[in-house]
């Protein structure tokens, strides 16, 4: 399948434009998904809107945890041949910070368990940030509003 080239634009520029369009599309999709925060010059949002923002952040956090749990379950099932319930137990214990229940036997299982443990540590940090972001933003926004008076 040939790429149609615009006569006024060199071939490389037409590819760059397509990549930029893809990046813009991804950015717009992500921006729709993430909560929007008010600017420094805007007033504080109402308590009801703030509660909605907290619920939205909680939903994002739950989704991240569910995806991470699913990744762990699939990995333990595939690499260590654990049953789904045992894979769930190992993945949830790692996500909770307790460590795995079953010691990995195969080299692939050991590699997966190590990488998944590192991933779980970062996931905990990200989820904490997502949950705390609306609260910290509101506190800082209120503080800046008072300091501007």
N, C-alpha and C. Protein backbone atom coordinates (compact mmCIF):
# COMPACT_ATOMS: atom_id res chain seq x y z
N UNK A 1 0.85 -1.18 0.00
CA UNK A 1 0.00 0.00 0.00
C UNK A 1 0.89 1.24 0.00
N UNK A 2 0.74 2.08 -0.98
CA UNK A 2 1.58 3.27 -1.14
C UNK A 2 0.99 4.43 -0.35
N UNK A 3 1.88 5.25 0.19
CA UNK A 3 1.47 6.45 0.92
C UNK A 3 1.33 7.57 -0.09
N UNK A 4 0.19 8.22 -0.08
CA UNK A 4 -0.05 9.33 -1.00
C UNK A 4 0.74 10.55 -0.53
N UNK A 5 1.50 11.13 -1.44
CA UNK A 5 2.32 12.27 -1.09
C UNK A 5 1.67 13.54 -1.63
N UNK A 6 1.64 14.55 -0.78
CA UNK A 6 1.14 15.85 -1.16
C UNK A 6 2.19 16.53 -2.03
N UNK A 7 1.81 17.12 -3.13
CA UNK A 7 2.75 17.73 -4.07
C UNK A 7 3.46 18.94 -3.47
N UNK A 8 2.82 19.64 -2.53
CA UNK A 8 3.43 20.84 -1.95
C UNK A 8 4.31 20.52 -0.76
N UNK A 9 4.31 19.27 -0.31
CA UNK A 9 5.01 18.92 0.91
C UNK A 9 6.00 17.79 0.63
N UNK A 10 7.23 17.88 1.14
CA UNK A 10 8.16 16.76 0.95
C UNK A 10 7.65 15.52 1.68
N UNK A 11 8.18 14.34 1.27
CA UNK A 11 7.72 13.07 1.81
C UNK A 11 7.91 13.00 3.32
N UNK A 12 9.07 13.44 3.84
CA UNK A 12 9.34 13.37 5.28
C UNK A 12 8.36 14.23 6.07
N UNK A 13 8.04 15.39 5.55
CA UNK A 13 7.13 16.28 6.25
C UNK A 13 5.73 15.68 6.33
N UNK A 14 5.32 14.95 5.28
CA UNK A 14 3.99 14.34 5.33
C UNK A 14 3.95 13.25 6.39
N UNK A 15 5.03 12.51 6.59
CA UNK A 15 5.08 11.51 7.66
C UNK A 15 5.07 12.17 9.03
N UNK A 16 5.82 13.26 9.16
CA UNK A 16 5.86 13.97 10.43
C UNK A 16 4.48 14.49 10.79
N UNK A 17 3.75 14.97 9.83
CA UNK A 17 2.41 15.48 10.08
C UNK A 17 1.50 14.36 10.58
N UNK A 18 1.62 13.17 10.00
CA UNK A 18 0.79 12.05 10.45
C UNK A 18 1.14 11.65 11.87
N UNK A 19 2.44 11.66 12.22
CA UNK A 19 2.84 11.35 13.58
C UNK A 19 2.33 12.40 14.55
N UNK A 20 2.42 13.66 14.16
CA UNK A 20 1.92 14.73 15.01
C UNK A 20 0.41 14.59 15.21
N UNK A 21 -0.32 14.23 14.15
CA UNK A 21 -1.76 14.02 14.27
C UNK A 21 -2.07 12.90 15.24
N UNK A 22 -1.29 11.82 15.19
CA UNK A 22 -1.49 10.71 16.11
C UNK A 22 -1.22 11.14 17.54
N UNK A 23 -0.13 11.89 17.75
CA UNK A 23 0.21 12.38 19.09
C UNK A 23 -0.90 13.30 19.60
N UNK A 24 -1.39 14.20 18.76
CA UNK A 24 -2.47 15.10 19.17
C UNK A 24 -3.73 14.32 19.53
N UNK A 25 -4.03 13.27 18.77
CA UNK A 25 -5.20 12.44 19.04
C UNK A 25 -5.08 11.76 20.40
N UNK A 26 -3.89 11.23 20.71
CA UNK A 26 -3.66 10.57 21.99
C UNK A 26 -3.75 11.58 23.12
N UNK A 27 -3.16 12.77 22.93
CA UNK A 27 -3.21 13.80 23.96
C UNK A 27 -4.65 14.21 24.25
N UNK A 28 -5.46 14.38 23.23
CA UNK A 28 -6.86 14.76 23.43
C UNK A 28 -7.62 13.66 24.16
N UNK A 29 -7.35 12.41 23.85
CA UNK A 29 -8.01 11.30 24.52
C UNK A 29 -7.65 11.27 26.00
N UNK A 30 -6.38 11.48 26.31
CA UNK A 30 -5.93 11.48 27.70
C UNK A 30 -6.50 12.68 28.45
N UNK A 31 -6.53 13.84 27.81
CA UNK A 31 -7.05 15.03 28.47
C UNK A 31 -8.54 14.89 28.82
N UNK A 32 -9.29 14.18 27.99
CA UNK A 32 -10.71 13.96 28.29
C UNK A 32 -10.89 13.06 29.49
N UNK A 33 -9.94 12.16 29.70
CA UNK A 33 -10.04 11.16 30.76
C UNK A 33 -9.62 11.73 32.11
N UNK A 34 -8.63 12.64 32.13
CA UNK A 34 -8.09 13.18 33.37
C UNK A 34 -8.94 14.33 33.88
N UNK A 35 -8.97 14.52 35.22
CA UNK A 35 -9.74 15.64 35.75
C UNK A 35 -9.09 16.98 35.40
N UNK A 36 -9.92 18.00 35.26
CA UNK A 36 -9.42 19.33 34.94
C UNK A 36 -9.40 20.15 36.23
N UNK A 37 -8.27 20.78 36.49
CA UNK A 37 -8.11 21.60 37.69
C UNK A 37 -8.25 23.07 37.34
N UNK A 38 -8.77 23.84 38.32
CA UNK A 38 -8.94 25.27 38.08
C UNK A 38 -7.59 25.98 38.17
N UNK A 39 -7.51 27.09 37.48
CA UNK A 39 -6.29 27.89 37.46
C UNK A 39 -6.22 28.76 38.72
N UNK A 40 -5.07 29.37 38.91
CA UNK A 40 -4.85 30.17 40.12
C UNK A 40 -5.82 31.36 40.21
N UNK A 41 -6.17 31.92 39.08
CA UNK A 41 -7.04 33.10 39.09
C UNK A 41 -8.52 32.74 39.24
N UNK A 42 -8.86 31.47 39.11
CA UNK A 42 -10.25 31.04 39.21
C UNK A 42 -10.61 30.75 40.67
N UNK A 43 -11.89 30.91 41.02
CA UNK A 43 -12.30 30.61 42.40
C UNK A 43 -12.30 29.11 42.68
N UNK A 44 -12.35 28.76 43.97
CA UNK A 44 -12.43 27.35 44.36
C UNK A 44 -13.73 26.75 43.83
N UNK A 45 -13.68 25.48 43.48
CA UNK A 45 -14.90 24.81 43.04
C UNK A 45 -15.76 24.49 44.27
N UNK A 46 -17.02 24.23 44.04
CA UNK A 46 -17.94 23.95 45.14
C UNK A 46 -17.58 22.61 45.78
N UNK A 47 -18.03 22.39 47.03
CA UNK A 47 -17.77 21.09 47.68
C UNK A 47 -18.33 19.91 46.88
N UNK A 48 -19.47 20.12 46.23
CA UNK A 48 -20.05 19.05 45.41
C UNK A 48 -19.16 18.71 44.23
N UNK A 49 -18.64 19.72 43.54
CA UNK A 49 -17.74 19.49 42.42
C UNK A 49 -16.43 18.84 42.91
N UNK A 50 -15.98 19.25 44.09
CA UNK A 50 -14.77 18.66 44.65
C UNK A 50 -14.99 17.18 44.97
N UNK A 51 -16.15 16.84 45.48
CA UNK A 51 -16.48 15.44 45.76
C UNK A 51 -16.51 14.63 44.47
N UNK A 52 -17.06 15.21 43.42
CA UNK A 52 -17.07 14.54 42.11
C UNK A 52 -15.63 14.33 41.63
N UNK A 53 -14.77 15.31 41.83
CA UNK A 53 -13.37 15.18 41.44
C UNK A 53 -12.68 14.07 42.24
N UNK A 54 -13.00 13.97 43.54
CA UNK A 54 -12.43 12.90 44.36
C UNK A 54 -12.90 11.53 43.88
N UNK A 55 -14.18 11.41 43.55
CA UNK A 55 -14.72 10.14 43.05
C UNK A 55 -14.05 9.79 41.72
N UNK A 56 -13.85 10.77 40.87
CA UNK A 56 -13.19 10.55 39.59
C UNK A 56 -11.77 10.04 39.80
N UNK A 57 -11.03 10.65 40.72
CA UNK A 57 -9.68 10.20 41.01
C UNK A 57 -9.69 8.79 41.61
N UNK A 58 -10.67 8.52 42.45
CA UNK A 58 -10.80 7.18 43.01
C UNK A 58 -11.09 6.14 41.93
N UNK A 59 -11.92 6.50 40.96
CA UNK A 59 -12.23 5.58 39.86
C UNK A 59 -10.99 5.31 39.00
N UNK A 60 -10.20 6.34 38.75
CA UNK A 60 -8.95 6.16 38.00
C UNK A 60 -8.03 5.23 38.78
N UNK A 61 -7.94 5.44 40.09
CA UNK A 61 -7.08 4.59 40.92
C UNK A 61 -7.55 3.14 40.91
N UNK A 62 -8.84 2.94 41.05
CA UNK A 62 -9.37 1.57 41.02
C UNK A 62 -9.10 0.89 39.68
N UNK A 63 -9.20 1.65 38.60
CA UNK A 63 -8.94 1.09 37.29
C UNK A 63 -7.46 0.69 37.16
N UNK A 64 -6.56 1.54 37.65
CA UNK A 64 -5.13 1.21 37.62
C UNK A 64 -4.84 -0.04 38.44
N UNK A 65 -5.47 -0.16 39.60
CA UNK A 65 -5.27 -1.33 40.45
C UNK A 65 -5.82 -2.57 39.77
N UNK A 66 -6.99 -2.47 39.18
CA UNK A 66 -7.60 -3.64 38.51
C UNK A 66 -6.74 -4.11 37.33
N UNK A 67 -6.24 -3.16 36.54
CA UNK A 67 -5.38 -3.52 35.41
C UNK A 67 -4.09 -4.16 35.91
N UNK A 68 -3.51 -3.61 36.97
CA UNK A 68 -2.29 -4.16 37.53
C UNK A 68 -2.52 -5.56 38.09
N UNK A 69 -3.64 -5.76 38.74
CA UNK A 69 -3.98 -7.08 39.27
C UNK A 69 -4.15 -8.09 38.14
N UNK A 70 -4.79 -7.68 37.08
CA UNK A 70 -4.99 -8.55 35.92
C UNK A 70 -3.65 -8.93 35.29
N UNK A 71 -2.75 -7.96 35.15
CA UNK A 71 -1.41 -8.24 34.61
C UNK A 71 -0.70 -9.28 35.48
N UNK A 72 -0.77 -9.10 36.79
CA UNK A 72 -0.12 -10.04 37.70
C UNK A 72 -0.73 -11.43 37.64
N UNK A 73 -2.05 -11.50 37.57
CA UNK A 73 -2.72 -12.80 37.49
C UNK A 73 -2.35 -13.54 36.21
N UNK A 74 -2.35 -12.83 35.10
CA UNK A 74 -1.99 -13.46 33.82
C UNK A 74 -0.54 -13.93 33.86
N UNK A 75 0.35 -13.10 34.40
CA UNK A 75 1.77 -13.47 34.47
C UNK A 75 2.01 -14.69 35.34
N UNK A 76 1.41 -14.72 36.52
CA UNK A 76 1.60 -15.87 37.40
C UNK A 76 0.97 -17.13 36.81
N UNK A 77 -0.16 -16.97 36.14
CA UNK A 77 -0.81 -18.13 35.52
C UNK A 77 0.03 -18.65 34.36
N UNK A 78 0.60 -17.76 33.59
CA UNK A 78 1.36 -18.16 32.40
C UNK A 78 2.74 -18.69 32.74
N UNK A 79 3.48 -17.97 33.60
CA UNK A 79 4.88 -18.32 33.86
C UNK A 79 5.05 -19.37 34.96
N UNK A 80 4.17 -19.40 35.92
CA UNK A 80 4.31 -20.34 37.04
C UNK A 80 3.23 -21.41 37.05
N UNK A 81 2.34 -21.37 36.07
CA UNK A 81 1.24 -22.35 35.97
C UNK A 81 0.41 -22.43 37.25
N UNK A 82 0.21 -21.29 37.89
CA UNK A 82 -0.64 -21.24 39.09
C UNK A 82 -2.10 -21.19 38.66
N UNK A 83 -2.97 -21.71 39.49
CA UNK A 83 -4.40 -21.58 39.22
C UNK A 83 -4.77 -20.10 39.32
N UNK A 84 -5.92 -19.75 38.78
CA UNK A 84 -6.32 -18.34 38.77
C UNK A 84 -6.46 -17.78 40.18
N UNK A 85 -6.96 -18.59 41.10
CA UNK A 85 -7.14 -18.10 42.47
C UNK A 85 -5.78 -17.90 43.15
N UNK A 86 -4.81 -18.81 42.89
CA UNK A 86 -3.47 -18.64 43.45
C UNK A 86 -2.74 -17.47 42.79
N UNK A 87 -2.96 -17.30 41.50
CA UNK A 87 -2.38 -16.16 40.79
C UNK A 87 -2.94 -14.85 41.34
N UNK A 88 -4.25 -14.84 41.63
CA UNK A 88 -4.87 -13.65 42.24
C UNK A 88 -4.25 -13.37 43.61
N UNK A 89 -4.07 -14.41 44.40
CA UNK A 89 -3.49 -14.25 45.74
C UNK A 89 -2.08 -13.66 45.65
N UNK A 90 -1.23 -14.21 44.79
CA UNK A 90 0.13 -13.71 44.66
C UNK A 90 0.16 -12.28 44.15
N UNK A 91 -0.63 -11.99 43.12
CA UNK A 91 -0.64 -10.64 42.55
C UNK A 91 -1.17 -9.62 43.56
N UNK A 92 -2.23 -9.96 44.27
CA UNK A 92 -2.79 -9.02 45.24
C UNK A 92 -1.87 -8.81 46.43
N UNK A 93 -1.16 -9.86 46.85
CA UNK A 93 -0.21 -9.70 47.95
C UNK A 93 0.95 -8.78 47.54
N UNK A 94 1.40 -8.90 46.30
CA UNK A 94 2.46 -8.00 45.83
C UNK A 94 1.95 -6.57 45.71
N UNK A 95 0.76 -6.41 45.16
CA UNK A 95 0.19 -5.05 45.05
C UNK A 95 -0.03 -4.43 46.42
N UNK A 96 -0.36 -5.26 47.40
CA UNK A 96 -0.57 -4.77 48.76
C UNK A 96 0.71 -4.54 49.54
N UNK A 97 1.85 -4.93 48.96
CA UNK A 97 3.13 -4.69 49.62
C UNK A 97 3.57 -5.80 50.55
N UNK A 98 2.88 -6.92 50.57
CA UNK A 98 3.22 -8.01 51.48
C UNK A 98 4.25 -8.98 50.90
N UNK A 99 4.33 -9.10 49.60
CA UNK A 99 5.25 -10.05 48.98
C UNK A 99 4.50 -11.27 48.49
N UNK A 100 5.15 -12.06 47.63
CA UNK A 100 4.46 -13.21 47.06
C UNK A 100 4.26 -14.32 48.09
N UNK A 101 3.22 -15.13 47.88
CA UNK A 101 2.93 -16.27 48.75
C UNK A 101 3.73 -17.47 48.28
N UNK A 102 3.67 -17.76 46.97
CA UNK A 102 4.37 -18.90 46.40
C UNK A 102 5.70 -18.44 45.80
N UNK A 103 6.77 -19.12 46.16
CA UNK A 103 8.08 -18.80 45.61
C UNK A 103 8.14 -19.27 44.16
N UNK A 104 8.56 -18.40 43.24
CA UNK A 104 8.65 -18.81 41.83
C UNK A 104 9.67 -19.93 41.64
N UNK A 105 9.36 -20.85 40.74
CA UNK A 105 10.23 -22.00 40.49
C UNK A 105 11.00 -21.83 39.18
N UNK A 106 10.32 -21.46 38.11
CA UNK A 106 10.97 -21.34 36.80
C UNK A 106 11.72 -20.03 36.68
N UNK A 107 12.68 -19.98 35.77
CA UNK A 107 13.43 -18.75 35.53
C UNK A 107 12.51 -17.65 35.01
N UNK A 108 11.59 -18.00 34.11
CA UNK A 108 10.64 -17.02 33.61
C UNK A 108 9.75 -16.48 34.72
N UNK A 109 9.34 -17.37 35.62
CA UNK A 109 8.53 -16.95 36.76
C UNK A 109 9.28 -16.03 37.69
N UNK A 110 10.56 -16.32 37.91
CA UNK A 110 11.39 -15.47 38.77
C UNK A 110 11.57 -14.09 38.16
N UNK A 111 11.82 -14.08 36.85
CA UNK A 111 11.98 -12.80 36.16
C UNK A 111 10.68 -12.00 36.20
N UNK A 112 9.56 -12.67 35.94
CA UNK A 112 8.28 -11.98 35.99
C UNK A 112 8.00 -11.46 37.39
N UNK A 113 8.24 -12.29 38.41
CA UNK A 113 7.95 -11.88 39.80
C UNK A 113 8.77 -10.66 40.19
N UNK A 114 10.04 -10.63 39.78
CA UNK A 114 10.88 -9.48 40.10
C UNK A 114 10.42 -8.22 39.40
N UNK A 115 10.14 -8.32 38.11
CA UNK A 115 9.67 -7.14 37.37
C UNK A 115 8.30 -6.69 37.85
N UNK A 116 7.44 -7.65 38.16
CA UNK A 116 6.10 -7.30 38.64
C UNK A 116 6.18 -6.63 40.01
N UNK A 117 7.11 -7.09 40.85
CA UNK A 117 7.28 -6.46 42.17
C UNK A 117 7.72 -5.00 42.02
N UNK A 118 8.65 -4.74 41.10
CA UNK A 118 9.08 -3.36 40.84
C UNK A 118 7.92 -2.52 40.31
N UNK A 119 7.17 -3.11 39.38
CA UNK A 119 6.00 -2.43 38.82
C UNK A 119 4.98 -2.11 39.91
N UNK A 120 4.76 -3.06 40.82
CA UNK A 120 3.78 -2.85 41.89
C UNK A 120 4.20 -1.70 42.81
N UNK A 121 5.50 -1.61 43.09
CA UNK A 121 5.97 -0.50 43.91
C UNK A 121 5.69 0.85 43.26
N UNK A 122 5.93 0.94 41.96
CA UNK A 122 5.64 2.19 41.25
C UNK A 122 4.14 2.44 41.16
N UNK A 123 3.37 1.38 41.02
CA UNK A 123 1.91 1.53 40.94
C UNK A 123 1.35 2.10 42.24
N UNK A 124 1.87 1.65 43.36
CA UNK A 124 1.42 2.19 44.66
C UNK A 124 1.70 3.68 44.73
N UNK A 125 2.87 4.10 44.26
CA UNK A 125 3.22 5.53 44.28
C UNK A 125 2.29 6.32 43.37
N UNK A 126 2.03 5.81 42.16
CA UNK A 126 1.15 6.51 41.21
C UNK A 126 -0.27 6.60 41.75
N UNK A 127 -0.78 5.51 42.28
CA UNK A 127 -2.16 5.51 42.81
C UNK A 127 -2.28 6.48 43.98
N UNK A 128 -1.28 6.51 44.84
CA UNK A 128 -1.29 7.47 45.95
C UNK A 128 -1.33 8.90 45.43
N UNK A 129 -0.53 9.17 44.41
CA UNK A 129 -0.53 10.52 43.82
C UNK A 129 -1.86 10.88 43.20
N UNK A 130 -2.48 9.94 42.50
CA UNK A 130 -3.77 10.19 41.86
C UNK A 130 -4.84 10.46 42.91
N UNK A 131 -4.81 9.73 44.01
CA UNK A 131 -5.81 9.92 45.07
C UNK A 131 -5.59 11.24 45.80
N UNK A 132 -4.33 11.58 46.08
CA UNK A 132 -4.03 12.80 46.86
C UNK A 132 -4.03 14.08 46.04
N UNK A 133 -3.91 13.97 44.72
CA UNK A 133 -3.79 15.17 43.87
C UNK A 133 -4.93 16.17 44.06
N UNK A 134 -6.21 15.75 44.07
CA UNK A 134 -7.27 16.75 44.25
C UNK A 134 -7.22 17.45 45.61
N UNK A 135 -6.86 16.72 46.65
CA UNK A 135 -6.80 17.30 47.99
C UNK A 135 -5.66 18.31 48.08
N UNK A 136 -4.49 17.91 47.61
CA UNK A 136 -3.33 18.80 47.65
C UNK A 136 -3.58 20.03 46.78
N UNK A 137 -4.19 19.83 45.61
CA UNK A 137 -4.47 20.96 44.73
C UNK A 137 -5.43 21.95 45.40
N UNK A 138 -6.45 21.44 46.05
CA UNK A 138 -7.42 22.33 46.72
C UNK A 138 -6.75 23.12 47.84
N UNK A 139 -5.91 22.44 48.64
CA UNK A 139 -5.22 23.13 49.73
C UNK A 139 -4.30 24.21 49.18
N UNK A 140 -3.50 23.88 48.18
CA UNK A 140 -2.60 24.87 47.60
C UNK A 140 -3.36 26.00 46.91
N UNK A 141 -4.46 25.67 46.24
CA UNK A 141 -5.25 26.69 45.57
C UNK A 141 -5.84 27.67 46.59
N UNK A 142 -6.35 27.14 47.69
CA UNK A 142 -6.92 28.00 48.73
C UNK A 142 -5.82 28.86 49.37
N UNK A 143 -4.66 28.25 49.60
CA UNK A 143 -3.53 28.98 50.17
C UNK A 143 -3.11 30.13 49.27
N UNK A 144 -3.02 29.89 47.98
CA UNK A 144 -2.62 30.95 47.03
C UNK A 144 -3.68 32.02 46.92
N UNK A 145 -4.95 31.66 47.02
CA UNK A 145 -6.01 32.66 46.97
C UNK A 145 -5.92 33.59 48.16
N UNK A 146 -5.62 33.04 49.34
CA UNK A 146 -5.50 33.86 50.55
C UNK A 146 -4.26 34.74 50.50
N UNK A 147 -3.18 34.24 49.91
CA UNK A 147 -1.94 35.03 49.86
C UNK A 147 -2.03 36.17 48.84
N UNK A 148 -2.94 36.07 47.87
CA UNK A 148 -3.11 37.12 46.87
C UNK A 148 -3.91 38.29 47.40
N UNK A 149 -4.63 38.11 48.50
CA UNK A 149 -5.48 39.19 49.03
C UNK A 149 -4.68 40.28 49.69
